[in-house]
Amino acid sequence: MKILFITDNFPPEVNAPATRTYEHVKEWIKNDDIEVTILTCVPNFPHGKVYEGYKNKLYQIEYIDSIKVIRVWSYITSNSGFIKRVLDYMSFAWISFLVGLFQKTDVIVATSPQFFTTWSAWGLSKIKRKPWIFELRDLWPESIKTVGAMKQGKAIEFLEKIELGLYKSCDKVVAVTNAFKGNLINRGIDASKIEVVTNGSNIELFYPREKDKNLLQKYNLKDKFIVGYIGTHGMAHSLDFIVESIVDIEDENIHFLFVGDGAMKQNILNLAKKLKLTNITFLDPVAKEDVPRFLSICDASLAPLKKDDNFKTVIPSKIFEASAMQIPTLLGVEGQAQEIIQNYNAGLCFEPENKKDFIYKLKQLKEDLDLYNSCVKGCISLAHDFDRVELANKMLHIIRKVK
């Protein structure tokens, strides 16, 4: 079976969509009867700058861990400015569609974000007369209203009609949360058409290990209670709230470590400088294989989002990676993610953008050793039940049935 997988992000990019796709496909091709071609753009996330060693050419092929990757030209811009980003996404949709016409495939999979990749899959499906699967990672365009990038109006209404049309057109929707499935059912999509394959833990990469002494020494963090945030510093992540809350934390032994980049990184740096914070360290993004080293020195993993009903459907992948390393999560997300953390007792949840609750839960996690150790045990159970290998095989089974 030949699978054509269309995605805007793929390694060496290290965001959640790139990681999920790579880890799934890596498992799929272990089957002798499976051949996967990734159709993506030149790596440029999150700066909108082409990575060293790459050129933004019309068409180029490389192999990553035996995975065939076709990279195509797209209009590349930084992750700021709504119009420019839409041009970026749409240019990839058009070029991936044109290149996809010349790829042999039995089934097409397109993942969101970004939303426009599914337009390409829809067009290819119609012309090639092959089934296609919509992997739903984000309720777009709803999410762009949530972060304030666009207000409700005729443009949003038009995009929502296209969104529903794509759900109806595809042969299967694979949603990453049960809440996404519920949202689609409430909007008239047949429940039998929707499967759920959540994110999970890569336990081959993320596993319990000793704290990296070199990192502790390099950044002068020895004997600190380290709260780590490793990932995209975007509009949705409410990191400005975290920085503003740090001012009121009296315990000098608590230190925050932010690793990553994104549209809000500079704003957050400026805010921390303005507030004259000395208990926070900002680092540039690191390669995916280095993330466990930085997580190893963390005593808690921070996973916040803005307070909005739309984010109640989101499950940050950070909670799975941290749990696999037996590091409790300090979660600032309501809904699905909160249920998982609380059901497994794999950390503590604070009300999003509630400073008092955030500081209180952080203090609990640091000072109550019995509570902390019980959260570590909960992490073990959570990581076991959300093993990414099992989830990858579940999705492959769905693809086989569609084909």
Foldseek 3Di string as FASTA:
>chain_A
DEEEEEEADAPVPDADVNVLVVVLVLLVVVDVVYAYEYEYAADQPAALDGDPPDDQAQWDWDADNNHIYIHGHFQTHHQDDDVSVVRRLQRSLVSSLVVVLPDDGQEYEYEDDVPSVLVSRLVSCVVVVHAYEYEYQAPPPVVCVVLPVDHDDPVRVVVVVVVLVSLQRHQAYEYQFVVVLVVNVVVPRDSVRYHYQHAAEALVQFAADAQDVVVCVVVVLPQAQEEEEAHEPESFQCVLLVLVLVLVQPDPRYAYEYEEYHDCVVVSVVSNVVSVDDRYDYYYHDGPSCVNNVLNNHQEYEGAGADDPSQLRHADSVLRSNLNNLHAYAYQTHHPNQCLCVVLLQAHYFHHSDSVRSSVRVCCCVPPPVSVVSNSNSSPVRNVVRHSSVSSVVVVVVVVVSD
